[in-house]
Amino acid sequence: MVVGVICAAIYNGIIITCDALGIHYLVALVIGFLVLAPVGYALHSLYTFQRDLEHMRFLRYASGMLAAFPINLALMVLLVSGIKLSVPAAT
């Protein structure tokens, strides 16, 4: 739970900060992924599972995150562009 809360805070912070800086939410989602994939992997490996960092494990972790990316993208498009929620509210 600790790692999940940390990752959620980092991700939300990135998306909301990008929005405040005028960066489109689609670009912010990519930035969030690029930052959170290695950070989330490192936190889960070292804290949650107490395992060494390994390249192949990171690729597996990142591919799992990448598989969920289209769902996140579709929800943001629906909520922000479709329903016209603000980016912070949609996030």
N, C-alpha and C. Protein backbone atom coordinates (compact mmCIF):
# COMPACT_ATOMS: atom_id res chain seq x y z
N MET A 1 0.83 -1.18 0.00
CA MET A 1 0.00 0.00 0.00
C MET A 1 0.88 1.26 0.00
N VAL A 2 1.97 1.21 0.71
CA VAL A 2 2.86 2.37 0.78
C VAL A 2 3.36 2.75 -0.61
N VAL A 3 3.82 1.76 -1.36
CA VAL A 3 4.34 2.04 -2.70
C VAL A 3 3.22 2.55 -3.60
N GLY A 4 2.04 2.00 -3.49
CA GLY A 4 0.91 2.46 -4.29
C GLY A 4 0.56 3.90 -4.02
N VAL A 5 0.57 4.29 -2.77
CA VAL A 5 0.27 5.69 -2.41
C VAL A 5 1.37 6.62 -2.95
N ILE A 6 2.61 6.21 -2.81
CA ILE A 6 3.72 7.03 -3.31
C ILE A 6 3.62 7.18 -4.83
N CYS A 7 3.38 6.08 -5.52
CA CYS A 7 3.28 6.12 -6.99
C CYS A 7 2.09 6.98 -7.43
N ALA A 8 0.96 6.84 -6.75
CA ALA A 8 -0.22 7.65 -7.10
C ALA A 8 0.06 9.13 -6.88
N ALA A 9 0.73 9.46 -5.80
CA ALA A 9 1.06 10.86 -5.52
C ALA A 9 2.01 11.43 -6.58
N ILE A 10 3.01 10.66 -6.95
CA ILE A 10 3.95 11.11 -7.98
C ILE A 10 3.22 11.30 -9.31
N TYR A 11 2.43 10.30 -9.70
CA TYR A 11 1.72 10.36 -10.97
C TYR A 11 0.76 11.54 -11.01
N ASN A 12 -0.07 11.68 -9.98
CA ASN A 12 -1.01 12.80 -9.93
C ASN A 12 -0.28 14.13 -9.94
N GLY A 13 0.83 14.21 -9.22
CA GLY A 13 1.62 15.43 -9.21
C GLY A 13 2.15 15.78 -10.59
N ILE A 14 2.62 14.78 -11.32
CA ILE A 14 3.13 15.02 -12.67
C ILE A 14 2.02 15.52 -13.58
N ILE A 15 0.89 14.84 -13.59
CA ILE A 15 -0.21 15.19 -14.49
C ILE A 15 -0.75 16.58 -14.16
N ILE A 16 -0.97 16.85 -12.90
CA ILE A 16 -1.53 18.14 -12.49
C ILE A 16 -0.53 19.27 -12.73
N THR A 17 0.75 19.03 -12.46
CA THR A 17 1.78 20.05 -12.71
C THR A 17 1.91 20.34 -14.20
N CYS A 18 1.91 19.29 -15.01
CA CYS A 18 1.97 19.49 -16.46
C CYS A 18 0.78 20.33 -16.94
N ASP A 19 -0.40 20.03 -16.42
CA ASP A 19 -1.58 20.81 -16.79
C ASP A 19 -1.42 22.27 -16.39
N ALA A 20 -0.91 22.51 -15.19
CA ALA A 20 -0.70 23.88 -14.72
C ALA A 20 0.32 24.63 -15.59
N LEU A 21 1.26 23.88 -16.17
CA LEU A 21 2.27 24.48 -17.04
C LEU A 21 1.80 24.61 -18.49
N GLY A 22 0.58 24.17 -18.76
CA GLY A 22 0.02 24.27 -20.10
C GLY A 22 0.40 23.12 -21.02
N ILE A 23 0.92 22.06 -20.47
CA ILE A 23 1.28 20.88 -21.26
C ILE A 23 0.03 20.03 -21.45
N HIS A 24 -0.25 19.64 -22.68
CA HIS A 24 -1.45 18.85 -22.98
C HIS A 24 -1.44 17.55 -22.19
N TYR A 25 -2.61 17.11 -21.79
CA TYR A 25 -2.70 15.92 -20.94
C TYR A 25 -2.18 14.67 -21.62
N LEU A 26 -2.24 14.58 -22.93
CA LEU A 26 -1.70 13.40 -23.61
C LEU A 26 -0.18 13.32 -23.44
N VAL A 27 0.48 14.47 -23.56
CA VAL A 27 1.93 14.52 -23.34
C VAL A 27 2.23 14.24 -21.87
N ALA A 28 1.41 14.77 -20.97
CA ALA A 28 1.60 14.54 -19.54
C ALA A 28 1.49 13.06 -19.20
N LEU A 29 0.58 12.34 -19.86
CA LEU A 29 0.45 10.90 -19.61
C LEU A 29 1.73 10.16 -19.99
N VAL A 30 2.33 10.56 -21.10
CA VAL A 30 3.58 9.93 -21.53
C VAL A 30 4.70 10.25 -20.54
N ILE A 31 4.78 11.51 -20.12
CA ILE A 31 5.79 11.90 -19.13
C ILE A 31 5.58 11.11 -17.83
N GLY A 32 4.33 11.00 -17.40
CA GLY A 32 4.02 10.24 -16.20
C GLY A 32 4.46 8.79 -16.31
N PHE A 33 4.21 8.19 -17.46
CA PHE A 33 4.64 6.81 -17.67
C PHE A 33 6.16 6.69 -17.63
N LEU A 34 6.85 7.59 -18.32
CA LEU A 34 8.31 7.53 -18.39
C LEU A 34 8.97 7.73 -17.03
N VAL A 35 8.35 8.51 -16.18
CA VAL A 35 8.88 8.72 -14.83
C VAL A 35 8.48 7.58 -13.91
N LEU A 36 7.21 7.20 -13.97
CA LEU A 36 6.69 6.25 -12.99
C LEU A 36 7.12 4.81 -13.24
N ALA A 37 7.36 4.44 -14.48
CA ALA A 37 7.78 3.04 -14.75
C ALA A 37 9.06 2.70 -13.98
N PRO A 38 10.14 3.46 -14.10
CA PRO A 38 11.34 3.09 -13.34
C PRO A 38 11.20 3.33 -11.83
N VAL A 39 10.51 4.39 -11.45
CA VAL A 39 10.34 4.67 -10.02
C VAL A 39 9.49 3.58 -9.36
N GLY A 40 8.36 3.25 -9.97
CA GLY A 40 7.49 2.21 -9.43
C GLY A 40 8.18 0.88 -9.37
N TYR A 41 8.92 0.55 -10.43
CA TYR A 41 9.66 -0.72 -10.44
C TYR A 41 10.68 -0.76 -9.31
N ALA A 42 11.45 0.31 -9.17
CA ALA A 42 12.48 0.34 -8.12
C ALA A 42 11.86 0.22 -6.73
N LEU A 43 10.78 0.96 -6.49
CA LEU A 43 10.14 0.90 -5.18
C LEU A 43 9.58 -0.49 -4.89
N HIS A 44 8.91 -1.06 -5.87
CA HIS A 44 8.36 -2.41 -5.65
C HIS A 44 9.47 -3.44 -5.47
N SER A 45 10.49 -3.34 -6.28
CA SER A 45 11.58 -4.32 -6.17
C SER A 45 12.27 -4.23 -4.82
N LEU A 46 12.67 -3.02 -4.46
CA LEU A 46 13.49 -2.84 -3.26
C LEU A 46 12.67 -2.87 -1.97
N TYR A 47 11.48 -2.28 -1.98
CA TYR A 47 10.70 -2.18 -0.75
C TYR A 47 9.68 -3.32 -0.62
N THR A 48 8.82 -3.47 -1.63
CA THR A 48 7.75 -4.45 -1.54
C THR A 48 8.28 -5.89 -1.54
N PHE A 49 9.15 -6.20 -2.50
CA PHE A 49 9.61 -7.57 -2.68
C PHE A 49 11.04 -7.82 -2.20
N GLN A 50 11.75 -6.75 -1.84
CA GLN A 50 13.13 -6.84 -1.35
C GLN A 50 14.00 -7.68 -2.28
N ARG A 51 13.98 -7.30 -3.56
CA ARG A 51 14.75 -7.99 -4.59
C ARG A 51 15.67 -7.00 -5.27
N ASP A 52 16.75 -7.51 -5.83
CA ASP A 52 17.66 -6.67 -6.59
C ASP A 52 16.99 -6.20 -7.87
N LEU A 53 17.45 -5.05 -8.36
CA LEU A 53 16.95 -4.54 -9.63
C LEU A 53 17.57 -5.33 -10.77
N GLU A 54 16.74 -5.76 -11.71
CA GLU A 54 17.22 -6.51 -12.86
C GLU A 54 16.53 -6.02 -14.12
N HIS A 55 17.31 -5.95 -15.18
CA HIS A 55 16.82 -5.42 -16.45
C HIS A 55 15.57 -6.15 -16.94
N MET A 56 15.57 -7.46 -16.94
CA MET A 56 14.43 -8.22 -17.46
C MET A 56 13.18 -8.04 -16.59
N ARG A 57 13.36 -7.93 -15.30
CA ARG A 57 12.21 -7.68 -14.42
C ARG A 57 11.62 -6.31 -14.71
N PHE A 58 12.49 -5.33 -14.94
CA PHE A 58 12.00 -4.00 -15.27
C PHE A 58 11.20 -4.03 -16.57
N LEU A 59 11.71 -4.74 -17.58
CA LEU A 59 10.99 -4.82 -18.85
C LEU A 59 9.62 -5.46 -18.67
N ARG A 60 9.52 -6.49 -17.83
CA ARG A 60 8.23 -7.12 -17.54
C ARG A 60 7.29 -6.14 -16.84
N TYR A 61 7.82 -5.44 -15.86
CA TYR A 61 7.03 -4.46 -15.12
C TYR A 61 6.54 -3.35 -16.05
N ALA A 62 7.45 -2.80 -16.84
CA ALA A 62 7.10 -1.72 -17.75
C ALA A 62 6.10 -2.18 -18.80
N SER A 63 6.22 -3.41 -19.27
CA SER A 63 5.27 -3.91 -20.27
C SER A 63 3.88 -4.06 -19.66
N GLY A 64 3.81 -4.42 -18.40
CA GLY A 64 2.51 -4.46 -17.71
C GLY A 64 1.90 -3.08 -17.59
N MET A 65 2.72 -2.11 -17.26
CA MET A 65 2.23 -0.73 -17.19
C MET A 65 1.81 -0.24 -18.58
N LEU A 66 2.60 -0.59 -19.58
CA LEU A 66 2.30 -0.18 -20.94
C LEU A 66 0.99 -0.80 -21.44
N ALA A 67 0.70 -2.01 -21.00
CA ALA A 67 -0.55 -2.66 -21.39
C ALA A 67 -1.76 -1.91 -20.85
N ALA A 68 -1.63 -1.27 -19.70
CA ALA A 68 -2.73 -0.52 -19.10
C ALA A 68 -2.81 0.91 -19.64
N PHE A 69 -1.77 1.37 -20.32
CA PHE A 69 -1.72 2.76 -20.80
C PHE A 69 -2.90 3.12 -21.71
N PRO A 70 -3.28 2.27 -22.67
CA PRO A 70 -4.42 2.65 -23.53
C PRO A 70 -5.72 2.86 -22.76
N ILE A 71 -5.92 2.12 -21.69
CA ILE A 71 -7.12 2.30 -20.88
C ILE A 71 -7.09 3.65 -20.20
N ASN A 72 -5.94 3.99 -19.62
CA ASN A 72 -5.78 5.29 -18.98
C ASN A 72 -5.97 6.41 -19.99
N LEU A 73 -5.37 6.25 -21.15
CA LEU A 73 -5.49 7.24 -22.22
C LEU A 73 -6.95 7.42 -22.63
N ALA A 74 -7.66 6.31 -22.86
CA ALA A 74 -9.06 6.39 -23.27
C ALA A 74 -9.92 7.07 -22.21
N LEU A 75 -9.67 6.77 -20.95
CA LEU A 75 -10.43 7.41 -19.88
C LEU A 75 -10.17 8.91 -19.82
N MET A 76 -8.92 9.31 -19.99
CA MET A 76 -8.62 10.74 -19.97
C MET A 76 -9.24 11.46 -21.16
N VAL A 77 -9.20 10.84 -22.33
CA VAL A 77 -9.84 11.45 -23.50
C VAL A 77 -11.34 11.60 -23.25
N LEU A 78 -11.97 10.56 -22.73
CA LEU A 78 -13.40 10.60 -22.44
C LEU A 78 -13.72 11.69 -21.41
N LEU A 79 -12.97 11.70 -20.31
CA LEU A 79 -13.29 12.62 -19.22
C LEU A 79 -12.91 14.07 -19.52
N VAL A 80 -11.75 14.28 -20.15
CA VAL A 80 -11.28 15.65 -20.38
C VAL A 80 -11.84 16.20 -21.69
N SER A 81 -11.65 15.48 -22.78
CA SER A 81 -12.10 15.98 -24.08
C SER A 81 -13.59 15.74 -24.30
N GLY A 82 -14.10 14.63 -23.78
CA GLY A 82 -15.51 14.31 -23.99
C GLY A 82 -16.44 15.01 -23.04
N ILE A 83 -16.26 14.73 -21.75
CA ILE A 83 -17.16 15.27 -20.72
C ILE A 83 -16.74 16.67 -20.28
N LYS A 84 -15.54 17.07 -20.63
CA LYS A 84 -15.00 18.40 -20.31
C LYS A 84 -14.68 18.61 -18.83
N LEU A 85 -14.26 17.53 -18.15
CA LEU A 85 -13.76 17.70 -16.79
C LEU A 85 -12.38 18.35 -16.86
N SER A 86 -12.00 19.00 -15.80
CA SER A 86 -10.65 19.54 -15.73
C SER A 86 -9.67 18.36 -15.59
N VAL A 87 -8.43 18.58 -15.98
CA VAL A 87 -7.43 17.53 -15.87
C VAL A 87 -7.25 17.06 -14.42
N PRO A 88 -7.14 17.99 -13.45
CA PRO A 88 -7.02 17.50 -12.06
C PRO A 88 -8.21 16.65 -11.61
N ALA A 89 -9.41 17.02 -12.01
CA ALA A 89 -10.59 16.24 -11.62
C ALA A 89 -10.58 14.88 -12.31
N ALA A 90 -10.18 14.84 -13.57
CA ALA A 90 -10.13 13.57 -14.31
C ALA A 90 -9.03 12.67 -13.78
N THR A 91 -7.93 13.27 -13.36
CA THR A 91 -6.81 12.50 -12.84
C THR A 91 -7.19 11.85 -11.53
